[in-house]
């Protein structure tokens, strides 16, 4: 424990606390939006970044949807594929489909909340 705190003295801790409190004490000049933007980044992305993310997430979503749906159809329609291993793969495909669809719904809700909140 002493080796971790060796470079950290009480004086430096006091200086940090007083500098933070002196910054925060003048509440009339404190801009919450500027503070959040400086520490967390902007709430929105520029167009090229948004387009790239939309394309990548769209490809992942469509590929996952088609691949898992095909897995389920193939295992369900072929009687000779009804083994314990394939039933396990079937349940994994169903789980992955649910994760894709519900995750997409959740991320869309977060996205809409972020951008709609800015205009209200």
Protein backbone atom coordinates (compact mmCIF):
# COMPACT_ATOMS: atom_id res chain seq x y z
CA UNK A 1 0.00 0.00 0.00
CA UNK A 2 2.85 2.38 0.78
CA UNK A 3 4.42 1.82 -2.64
CA UNK A 4 1.21 2.81 -4.40
CA UNK A 5 0.86 6.02 -2.39
CA UNK A 6 4.56 6.88 -2.36
CA UNK A 7 4.28 9.63 -4.98
CA UNK A 8 1.03 10.99 -3.56
CA UNK A 9 1.35 13.35 -0.63
CA UNK A 10 -1.27 15.04 1.52
CA UNK A 11 -0.20 18.42 0.20
CA UNK A 12 -0.90 17.45 -3.41
CA UNK A 13 -4.27 15.99 -2.39
CA UNK A 14 -5.12 19.25 -0.60
CA UNK A 15 -4.08 21.27 -3.66
CA UNK A 16 -6.31 19.17 -5.91
CA UNK A 17 -9.31 19.54 -3.62
CA UNK A 18 -8.87 23.29 -3.22
CA UNK A 19 -8.38 23.82 -6.96
CA UNK A 20 -11.54 21.85 -7.71
CA UNK A 21 -13.52 23.61 -4.99
CA UNK A 22 -12.31 27.04 -6.12
CA UNK A 23 -13.34 26.19 -9.67
CA UNK A 24 -16.75 24.99 -8.51
CA UNK A 25 -17.37 27.75 -5.96
CA UNK A 26 -18.31 30.37 -8.54
CA UNK A 27 -21.55 28.72 -9.64
CA UNK A 28 -22.70 31.63 -11.77
CA UNK A 29 -19.89 31.05 -14.27
CA UNK A 30 -20.13 27.25 -14.32
CA UNK A 31 -21.40 25.95 -17.66
CA UNK A 32 -22.61 22.37 -17.33
CA UNK A 33 -22.82 21.77 -21.08
CA UNK A 34 -19.23 22.93 -21.59
CA UNK A 35 -18.05 20.76 -18.68
CA UNK A 36 -19.80 17.66 -20.04
CA UNK A 37 -18.53 18.30 -23.57
CA UNK A 38 -14.96 18.71 -22.28
CA UNK A 39 -15.06 15.51 -20.22
CA UNK A 40 -17.44 13.25 -22.14
CA UNK A 41 -17.21 14.59 -25.67
CA UNK A 42 -19.88 15.88 -27.99
CA UNK A 43 -23.38 14.38 -27.90
CA UNK A 44 -23.46 14.15 -31.68
CA UNK A 45 -21.12 12.96 -34.41
CA UNK A 46 -20.24 14.54 -37.70
CA UNK A 47 -21.86 13.20 -40.88
CA UNK A 48 -19.05 10.93 -42.22
CA UNK A 49 -18.65 9.21 -38.85
CA UNK A 50 -22.42 8.77 -38.50
CA UNK A 51 -22.65 7.34 -42.01
CA UNK A 52 -19.79 4.90 -41.43
CA UNK A 53 -21.28 3.69 -38.15
CA UNK A 54 -24.71 3.30 -39.72
CA UNK A 55 -23.32 1.23 -42.59
CA UNK A 56 -21.21 -0.99 -40.30
CA UNK A 57 -24.05 -1.59 -37.82
CA UNK A 58 -26.48 -2.19 -40.68
CA UNK A 59 -24.21 -4.81 -42.25
CA UNK A 60 -23.74 -6.54 -38.88
CA UNK A 61 -27.50 -6.50 -38.25
CA UNK A 62 -28.49 -7.85 -41.68
CA UNK A 63 -25.74 -10.49 -41.72
CA UNK A 64 -26.65 -11.66 -38.22
CA UNK A 65 -30.33 -11.75 -39.04
CA UNK A 66 -29.90 -13.71 -42.29
CA UNK A 67 -27.24 -16.09 -40.95
CA UNK A 68 -29.10 -17.01 -37.79
CA UNK A 69 -32.45 -17.30 -39.57
CA UNK A 70 -30.89 -19.65 -42.15
CA UNK A 71 -29.36 -21.72 -39.35
CA UNK A 72 -32.74 -22.07 -37.66
CA UNK A 73 -34.53 -22.97 -40.92
CA UNK A 74 -31.95 -25.57 -41.95
CA UNK A 75 -31.92 -27.30 -38.56
CA UNK A 76 -35.72 -27.21 -38.22
CA UNK A 77 -36.49 -28.56 -41.70
CA UNK A 78 -33.94 -31.40 -41.92
CA UNK A 79 -34.83 -34.37 -39.73
CA UNK A 80 -31.35 -35.87 -39.87
CA UNK A 81 -29.97 -32.70 -38.24
CA UNK A 82 -32.05 -33.18 -35.09
CA UNK A 83 -29.18 -34.00 -32.73
CA UNK A 84 -28.31 -32.61 -29.34
CA UNK A 85 -25.49 -30.52 -30.78
CA UNK A 86 -27.68 -29.02 -33.48
CA UNK A 87 -30.46 -28.26 -30.99
CA UNK A 88 -27.85 -26.40 -28.98
CA UNK A 89 -26.81 -24.48 -32.13
CA UNK A 90 -30.49 -23.78 -32.81
CA UNK A 91 -30.96 -22.29 -29.34
CA UNK A 92 -27.81 -20.20 -29.78
CA UNK A 93 -29.14 -18.90 -33.11
CA UNK A 94 -32.48 -17.97 -31.49
CA UNK A 95 -30.63 -16.27 -28.65
CA UNK A 96 -28.50 -14.35 -31.12
CA UNK A 97 -31.59 -13.26 -33.08
CA UNK A 98 -33.23 -11.98 -29.91
CA UNK A 99 -30.06 -10.15 -28.95
CA UNK A 100 -29.83 -8.54 -32.39
CA UNK A 101 -33.45 -7.41 -32.49
CA UNK A 102 -33.76 -6.28 -28.86
CA UNK A 103 -30.33 -4.64 -28.93
CA UNK A 104 -31.30 -2.74 -32.06
CA UNK A 105 -34.52 -1.56 -30.42
CA UNK A 106 -32.63 -0.43 -27.32
CA UNK A 107 -29.91 1.41 -29.24
CA UNK A 108 -32.51 3.12 -31.43
CA UNK A 109 -34.36 4.28 -28.31
CA UNK A 110 -31.14 5.71 -26.87
CA UNK A 111 -30.31 7.42 -30.17
CA UNK A 112 -33.75 8.98 -30.46
CA UNK A 113 -33.71 10.09 -26.83
CA UNK A 114 -30.34 11.78 -27.34
CA UNK A 115 -31.36 13.69 -30.45
CA UNK A 116 -34.99 14.41 -29.60
CA UNK A 117 -33.98 15.70 -26.19
CA UNK A 118 -31.81 18.32 -27.91
CA UNK A 119 -34.78 19.77 -29.81
CA UNK A 120 -37.36 19.80 -27.02
